[in-house]
């Protein structure tokens, strides 16, 4: 069973995403405090991360940049989830100008389209297996 880590500071959204993932055959893990995220990533070793942008104390985009800058984590697919901007309006480079940091694998606006969310997760995990992942 593929492990998906949800990093989301809103407990209701975190529970909802966890339920959606479990119902669709994934093993969800949830962190509601972004300060605990890297410890959870290290212990769980998730196959994919769903990451909220707007969180207290540490933004999701700074966490994303940190993930992509670390060789231990850079190959984990990351989905950005946010109520901040629509998918069409989201401009990653407006927030992260460092061109060495790749864009996220996908951006979802809240409320998420559950069918598309699960479809994208499956596609990313399948492509990772095809690229030599587990």
N, C-alpha and C. Protein backbone atom coordinates (compact mmCIF):
# COMPACT_ATOMS: atom_id res chain seq x y z
N UNK A 1 0.85 -1.18 0.00
CA UNK A 1 0.00 0.00 0.00
C UNK A 1 0.90 1.25 0.00
N UNK A 2 0.63 2.15 -0.91
CA UNK A 2 1.44 3.36 -1.04
C UNK A 2 1.10 4.35 0.09
N UNK A 3 2.15 4.95 0.64
CA UNK A 3 2.00 5.88 1.75
C UNK A 3 1.96 7.32 1.23
N UNK A 4 0.94 8.06 1.68
CA UNK A 4 0.78 9.46 1.30
C UNK A 4 0.77 10.29 2.57
N UNK A 5 1.68 11.24 2.64
CA UNK A 5 1.74 12.15 3.78
C UNK A 5 0.99 13.43 3.45
N UNK A 6 0.02 13.77 4.28
CA UNK A 6 -0.75 15.00 4.14
C UNK A 6 -0.21 16.00 5.16
N UNK A 7 0.32 17.11 4.68
CA UNK A 7 0.81 18.18 5.56
C UNK A 7 -0.19 19.31 5.42
N UNK A 8 -1.04 19.46 6.42
CA UNK A 8 -2.19 20.36 6.34
C UNK A 8 -2.52 20.85 7.75
N UNK A 9 -2.52 22.17 7.94
CA UNK A 9 -2.76 22.70 9.29
C UNK A 9 -4.23 22.79 9.67
N UNK A 10 -5.15 22.67 8.73
CA UNK A 10 -6.57 22.68 9.04
C UNK A 10 -7.02 21.24 9.34
N UNK A 11 -7.32 20.93 10.62
CA UNK A 11 -7.65 19.55 10.98
C UNK A 11 -8.79 18.94 10.18
N UNK A 12 -9.84 19.72 9.86
CA UNK A 12 -10.96 19.17 9.09
C UNK A 12 -10.53 18.77 7.69
N UNK A 13 -9.71 19.60 7.06
CA UNK A 13 -9.22 19.29 5.71
C UNK A 13 -8.29 18.08 5.77
N UNK A 14 -7.44 18.03 6.78
CA UNK A 14 -6.51 16.90 6.94
C UNK A 14 -7.28 15.59 7.11
N UNK A 15 -8.32 15.60 7.95
CA UNK A 15 -9.14 14.40 8.15
C UNK A 15 -9.85 13.99 6.85
N UNK A 16 -10.36 14.98 6.14
CA UNK A 16 -11.06 14.71 4.89
C UNK A 16 -10.12 14.07 3.86
N UNK A 17 -8.95 14.67 3.67
CA UNK A 17 -7.99 14.11 2.71
C UNK A 17 -7.54 12.72 3.13
N UNK A 18 -7.36 12.51 4.42
CA UNK A 18 -6.98 11.20 4.93
C UNK A 18 -8.05 10.16 4.61
N UNK A 19 -9.31 10.52 4.82
CA UNK A 19 -10.42 9.62 4.52
C UNK A 19 -10.48 9.30 3.03
N UNK A 20 -10.33 10.34 2.19
CA UNK A 20 -10.35 10.15 0.74
C UNK A 20 -9.23 9.20 0.31
N UNK A 21 -8.05 9.40 0.86
CA UNK A 21 -6.91 8.55 0.51
C UNK A 21 -7.14 7.11 0.96
N UNK A 22 -7.57 6.92 2.21
CA UNK A 22 -7.80 5.57 2.73
C UNK A 22 -8.87 4.85 1.90
N UNK A 23 -9.95 5.55 1.57
CA UNK A 23 -11.04 4.98 0.78
C UNK A 23 -10.55 4.53 -0.60
N UNK A 24 -9.52 5.18 -1.10
CA UNK A 24 -9.00 4.86 -2.43
C UNK A 24 -7.75 3.98 -2.41
N UNK A 25 -7.52 3.32 -1.29
CA UNK A 25 -6.47 2.31 -1.23
C UNK A 25 -5.07 2.79 -0.87
N UNK A 26 -4.97 3.99 -0.32
CA UNK A 26 -3.66 4.51 0.10
C UNK A 26 -3.56 4.46 1.62
N UNK A 27 -2.34 4.50 2.11
CA UNK A 27 -2.10 4.55 3.55
C UNK A 27 -1.75 6.00 3.91
N UNK A 28 -2.74 6.75 4.45
CA UNK A 28 -2.48 8.16 4.74
C UNK A 28 -1.81 8.38 6.09
N UNK A 29 -0.96 9.38 6.12
CA UNK A 29 -0.35 9.89 7.35
C UNK A 29 -0.61 11.38 7.34
N UNK A 30 -0.84 11.95 8.51
CA UNK A 30 -1.20 13.36 8.58
C UNK A 30 -0.31 14.09 9.58
N UNK A 31 0.12 15.27 9.17
CA UNK A 31 0.82 16.20 10.06
C UNK A 31 0.07 17.52 9.99
N UNK A 32 -0.40 18.01 11.14
CA UNK A 32 -1.11 19.29 11.15
C UNK A 32 -0.20 20.42 11.63
N UNK A 33 0.94 20.06 12.17
CA UNK A 33 1.92 21.06 12.61
C UNK A 33 3.13 20.98 11.68
N UNK A 34 3.32 22.01 10.86
CA UNK A 34 4.42 21.94 9.88
C UNK A 34 5.80 21.75 10.51
N UNK A 35 5.94 22.09 11.78
CA UNK A 35 7.23 21.89 12.45
C UNK A 35 7.57 20.41 12.61
N UNK A 36 6.55 19.56 12.54
CA UNK A 36 6.76 18.11 12.69
C UNK A 36 6.92 17.40 11.35
N UNK A 37 6.77 18.12 10.25
CA UNK A 37 6.71 17.50 8.94
C UNK A 37 7.97 16.71 8.57
N UNK A 38 9.13 17.29 8.77
CA UNK A 38 10.34 16.58 8.33
C UNK A 38 10.63 15.35 9.17
N UNK A 39 10.28 15.40 10.45
CA UNK A 39 10.43 14.20 11.29
C UNK A 39 9.50 13.10 10.78
N UNK A 40 8.28 13.47 10.40
CA UNK A 40 7.33 12.49 9.87
C UNK A 40 7.81 11.95 8.52
N UNK A 41 8.33 12.81 7.68
CA UNK A 41 8.85 12.36 6.38
C UNK A 41 9.97 11.35 6.60
N UNK A 42 10.84 11.65 7.54
CA UNK A 42 11.96 10.76 7.83
C UNK A 42 11.48 9.41 8.36
N UNK A 43 10.49 9.41 9.24
CA UNK A 43 10.04 8.15 9.84
C UNK A 43 9.13 7.35 8.92
N UNK A 44 8.25 8.01 8.17
CA UNK A 44 7.28 7.32 7.32
C UNK A 44 7.85 6.96 5.95
N UNK A 45 8.73 7.81 5.43
CA UNK A 45 9.26 7.65 4.08
C UNK A 45 8.10 7.53 3.07
N UNK A 46 7.31 8.60 2.95
CA UNK A 46 6.12 8.54 2.09
C UNK A 46 6.46 8.40 0.61
N UNK A 47 5.52 7.83 -0.12
CA UNK A 47 5.66 7.70 -1.56
C UNK A 47 5.25 8.99 -2.27
N UNK A 48 4.43 9.81 -1.58
CA UNK A 48 3.94 11.07 -2.14
C UNK A 48 3.56 11.98 -0.98
N UNK A 49 3.66 13.29 -1.21
CA UNK A 49 3.29 14.28 -0.19
C UNK A 49 2.26 15.24 -0.76
N UNK A 50 1.20 15.46 0.02
CA UNK A 50 0.22 16.50 -0.26
C UNK A 50 0.52 17.63 0.71
N UNK A 51 0.84 18.81 0.17
CA UNK A 51 1.37 19.89 0.98
C UNK A 51 0.54 21.16 0.85
N UNK A 52 0.04 21.66 1.97
CA UNK A 52 -0.70 22.92 1.99
C UNK A 52 0.29 24.08 1.88
N UNK A 53 -0.10 25.15 1.22
CA UNK A 53 0.79 26.32 1.10
C UNK A 53 0.74 27.20 2.34
N UNK A 54 -0.47 27.57 2.73
CA UNK A 54 -0.63 28.55 3.82
C UNK A 54 -0.70 27.85 5.17
N UNK A 55 0.40 27.90 5.90
CA UNK A 55 0.45 27.30 7.24
C UNK A 55 1.16 28.27 8.17
N UNK A 56 0.85 28.18 9.44
CA UNK A 56 1.53 29.05 10.39
C UNK A 56 2.99 28.63 10.58
N UNK A 57 3.83 29.58 10.82
CA UNK A 57 5.24 29.39 11.17
C UNK A 57 6.15 28.96 10.03
N UNK A 58 5.67 28.15 9.09
CA UNK A 58 6.51 27.73 7.97
C UNK A 58 5.60 27.54 6.77
N UNK A 59 5.85 28.27 5.70
CA UNK A 59 4.98 28.14 4.53
C UNK A 59 5.24 26.82 3.81
N UNK A 60 4.21 26.35 3.13
CA UNK A 60 4.36 25.14 2.35
C UNK A 60 5.37 25.29 1.23
N UNK A 61 5.47 26.50 0.68
CA UNK A 61 6.44 26.71 -0.40
C UNK A 61 7.87 26.67 0.11
N UNK A 62 8.11 27.15 1.31
CA UNK A 62 9.47 27.04 1.85
C UNK A 62 9.79 25.58 2.18
N UNK A 63 8.79 24.84 2.64
CA UNK A 63 8.99 23.41 2.87
C UNK A 63 9.27 22.69 1.56
N UNK A 64 8.51 23.05 0.53
CA UNK A 64 8.70 22.44 -0.79
C UNK A 64 10.12 22.72 -1.29
N UNK A 65 10.56 23.94 -1.17
CA UNK A 65 11.92 24.30 -1.60
C UNK A 65 12.95 23.49 -0.84
N UNK A 66 12.72 23.32 0.45
CA UNK A 66 13.64 22.54 1.28
C UNK A 66 13.64 21.07 0.84
N UNK A 67 12.47 20.52 0.55
CA UNK A 67 12.38 19.13 0.07
C UNK A 67 13.16 18.96 -1.23
N UNK A 68 12.95 19.87 -2.16
CA UNK A 68 13.60 19.75 -3.46
C UNK A 68 15.11 20.02 -3.40
N UNK A 69 15.53 20.71 -2.37
CA UNK A 69 16.95 21.00 -2.21
C UNK A 69 17.72 19.91 -1.49
N UNK A 70 17.03 18.90 -0.98
CA UNK A 70 17.66 17.83 -0.21
C UNK A 70 17.63 16.54 -1.02
N UNK A 71 18.77 15.96 -1.29
CA UNK A 71 18.84 14.76 -2.12
C UNK A 71 18.05 13.59 -1.54
N UNK A 72 17.84 13.57 -0.23
CA UNK A 72 17.09 12.48 0.39
C UNK A 72 15.60 12.56 0.08
N UNK A 73 15.10 13.75 -0.25
CA UNK A 73 13.66 13.95 -0.44
C UNK A 73 13.26 14.43 -1.83
N UNK A 74 14.20 14.83 -2.63
CA UNK A 74 13.85 15.53 -3.88
C UNK A 74 13.05 14.71 -4.88
N UNK A 75 13.09 13.38 -4.77
CA UNK A 75 12.37 12.55 -5.73
C UNK A 75 10.96 12.18 -5.28
N UNK A 76 10.55 12.61 -4.10
CA UNK A 76 9.20 12.32 -3.63
C UNK A 76 8.24 13.27 -4.36
N UNK A 77 7.25 12.73 -5.07
CA UNK A 77 6.28 13.61 -5.73
C UNK A 77 5.54 14.46 -4.69
N UNK A 78 5.30 15.73 -5.04
CA UNK A 78 4.63 16.65 -4.13
C UNK A 78 3.48 17.34 -4.87
N UNK A 79 2.30 17.27 -4.24
CA UNK A 79 1.14 17.99 -4.71
C UNK A 79 0.93 19.19 -3.80
N UNK A 80 0.79 20.35 -4.36
CA UNK A 80 0.49 21.54 -3.57
C UNK A 80 -1.02 21.70 -3.52
N UNK A 81 -1.55 21.91 -2.31
CA UNK A 81 -2.98 22.11 -2.12
C UNK A 81 -3.16 23.43 -1.40
N UNK A 82 -4.02 24.29 -1.96
CA UNK A 82 -4.21 25.59 -1.32
C UNK A 82 -5.52 26.23 -1.71
N UNK A 83 -6.03 27.05 -0.82
CA UNK A 83 -7.20 27.86 -1.10
C UNK A 83 -6.80 29.26 -1.50
N UNK A 84 -5.50 29.48 -1.64
CA UNK A 84 -4.95 30.80 -1.89
C UNK A 84 -5.27 31.33 -3.28
N UNK A 85 -5.07 30.52 -4.29
CA UNK A 85 -5.27 30.94 -5.68
C UNK A 85 -5.88 29.78 -6.46
N UNK A 86 -6.54 30.11 -7.55
CA UNK A 86 -7.08 29.06 -8.41
C UNK A 86 -5.91 28.39 -9.14
N UNK A 87 -6.18 27.20 -9.65
CA UNK A 87 -5.14 26.47 -10.37
C UNK A 87 -4.64 27.25 -11.57
N UNK A 88 -5.54 27.94 -12.24
CA UNK A 88 -5.13 28.71 -13.41
C UNK A 88 -4.30 29.93 -13.05
N UNK A 89 -4.51 30.49 -11.86
CA UNK A 89 -3.80 31.70 -11.45
C UNK A 89 -2.48 31.42 -10.75
N UNK A 90 -2.28 30.20 -10.27
CA UNK A 90 -1.09 29.90 -9.48
C UNK A 90 0.17 29.99 -10.34
N UNK A 91 1.07 30.86 -9.94
CA UNK A 91 2.34 31.05 -10.64
C UNK A 91 3.46 30.75 -9.66
N UNK A 92 3.97 29.53 -9.70
CA UNK A 92 5.00 29.07 -8.77
C UNK A 92 6.20 30.01 -8.75
N UNK A 93 6.62 30.47 -9.91
CA UNK A 93 7.81 31.33 -9.99
C UNK A 93 7.59 32.70 -9.35
N UNK A 94 6.35 33.10 -9.15
CA UNK A 94 6.09 34.36 -8.45
C UNK A 94 6.44 34.22 -6.96
N UNK A 95 6.46 32.98 -6.47
CA UNK A 95 6.76 32.74 -5.06
C UNK A 95 8.16 32.17 -4.85
N UNK A 96 8.63 31.39 -5.80
CA UNK A 96 9.95 30.76 -5.71
C UNK A 96 10.71 31.11 -6.99
N UNK A 97 11.53 32.14 -6.90
CA UNK A 97 12.24 32.62 -8.09
C UNK A 97 13.45 31.75 -8.45
N UNK A 98 13.92 30.94 -7.51
CA UNK A 98 15.09 30.10 -7.73
C UNK A 98 14.78 29.07 -8.83
N UNK A 99 15.34 29.27 -9.99
CA UNK A 99 15.08 28.39 -11.13
C UNK A 99 15.62 26.99 -10.97
N UNK A 100 16.47 26.74 -9.96
CA UNK A 100 16.99 25.39 -9.75
C UNK A 100 15.96 24.51 -9.03
N UNK A 101 14.93 25.12 -8.46
CA UNK A 101 13.89 24.36 -7.77
C UNK A 101 12.76 24.10 -8.77
N UNK A 102 12.50 22.82 -9.07
CA UNK A 102 11.47 22.51 -10.05
C UNK A 102 10.07 22.83 -9.53
N UNK A 103 9.17 23.07 -10.46
CA UNK A 103 7.78 23.32 -10.08
C UNK A 103 7.20 22.07 -9.43
N UNK A 104 6.18 22.26 -8.58
CA UNK A 104 5.53 21.09 -7.97
C UNK A 104 4.91 20.19 -9.04
N UNK A 105 4.70 18.94 -8.68
CA UNK A 105 4.13 17.98 -9.62
C UNK A 105 2.70 18.36 -10.01
N UNK A 106 1.98 18.99 -9.11
CA UNK A 106 0.62 19.43 -9.41
C UNK A 106 0.17 20.42 -8.34
N UNK A 107 -0.78 21.27 -8.72
CA UNK A 107 -1.37 22.25 -7.80
C UNK A 107 -2.88 22.03 -7.78
N UNK A 108 -3.45 21.93 -6.59
CA UNK A 108 -4.89 21.78 -6.43
C UNK A 108 -5.42 22.94 -5.59
N UNK A 109 -6.54 23.50 -6.02
CA UNK A 109 -7.17 24.52 -5.21
C UNK A 109 -8.24 23.87 -4.34
N UNK A 110 -8.44 24.45 -3.15
CA UNK A 110 -9.49 23.98 -2.26
C UNK A 110 -10.80 24.65 -2.64
N UNK A 111 -11.90 23.93 -2.56
CA UNK A 111 -11.98 22.50 -2.26
C UNK A 111 -11.48 21.69 -3.45
N UNK A 112 -10.81 20.60 -3.15
CA UNK A 112 -10.20 19.82 -4.22
C UNK A 112 -11.24 19.01 -4.99
N UNK A 113 -10.90 18.73 -6.22
CA UNK A 113 -11.67 17.81 -7.06
C UNK A 113 -11.13 16.43 -6.70
N UNK A 114 -11.89 15.67 -5.91
CA UNK A 114 -11.42 14.40 -5.37
C UNK A 114 -11.03 13.41 -6.46
N UNK A 115 -11.85 13.28 -7.49
CA UNK A 115 -11.52 12.32 -8.55
C UNK A 115 -10.20 12.67 -9.22
N UNK A 116 -10.00 13.94 -9.51
CA UNK A 116 -8.75 14.36 -10.16
C UNK A 116 -7.57 14.19 -9.20
N UNK A 117 -7.78 14.51 -7.91
CA UNK A 117 -6.74 14.35 -6.89
C UNK A 117 -6.23 12.92 -6.86
N UNK A 118 -7.15 11.96 -6.79
CA UNK A 118 -6.78 10.55 -6.74
C UNK A 118 -6.15 10.12 -8.06
N UNK A 119 -6.69 10.58 -9.17
CA UNK A 119 -6.14 10.23 -10.48
C UNK A 119 -4.69 10.71 -10.60
N UNK A 120 -4.43 11.95 -10.20
CA UNK A 120 -3.07 12.51 -10.30
C UNK A 120 -2.12 11.74 -9.37
N UNK A 121 -2.57 11.41 -8.18
CA UNK A 121 -1.73 10.63 -7.25
C UNK A 121 -1.36 9.30 -7.89
N UNK A 122 -2.34 8.62 -8.43
CA UNK A 122 -2.06 7.31 -9.07
C UNK A 122 -1.09 7.46 -10.23
N UNK A 123 -1.29 8.48 -11.06
CA UNK A 123 -0.40 8.70 -12.21
C UNK A 123 1.03 8.98 -11.75
N UNK A 124 1.17 9.83 -10.73
CA UNK A 124 2.51 10.16 -10.25
C UNK A 124 3.20 8.93 -9.64
N UNK A 125 2.47 8.14 -8.91
CA UNK A 125 3.07 6.95 -8.30
C UNK A 125 3.40 5.90 -9.35
N UNK A 126 2.57 5.76 -10.37
CA UNK A 126 2.86 4.83 -11.45
C UNK A 126 4.08 5.26 -12.24
N UNK A 127 4.19 6.57 -12.51
CA UNK A 127 5.33 7.05 -13.27
C UNK A 127 6.61 6.91 -12.44
N UNK A 128 6.50 7.03 -11.15
CA UNK A 128 7.67 6.85 -10.26
C UNK A 128 8.13 5.41 -10.30
N UNK A 129 7.20 4.47 -10.30
CA UNK A 129 7.56 3.05 -10.40
C UNK A 129 8.24 2.80 -11.74
N UNK A 130 7.70 3.39 -12.80
CA UNK A 130 8.28 3.22 -14.13
C UNK A 130 9.66 3.83 -14.24
N UNK A 131 9.93 4.82 -13.40
CA UNK A 131 11.23 5.51 -13.45
C UNK A 131 12.24 4.88 -12.50
N UNK A 132 11.90 3.71 -11.95
CA UNK A 132 12.85 3.03 -11.08
C UNK A 132 12.52 3.17 -9.61
N UNK A 133 11.35 3.72 -9.27
CA UNK A 133 10.95 3.80 -7.87
C UNK A 133 10.50 2.42 -7.39
N UNK A 134 10.05 2.36 -6.17
CA UNK A 134 9.66 1.07 -5.61
C UNK A 134 8.30 0.64 -6.08
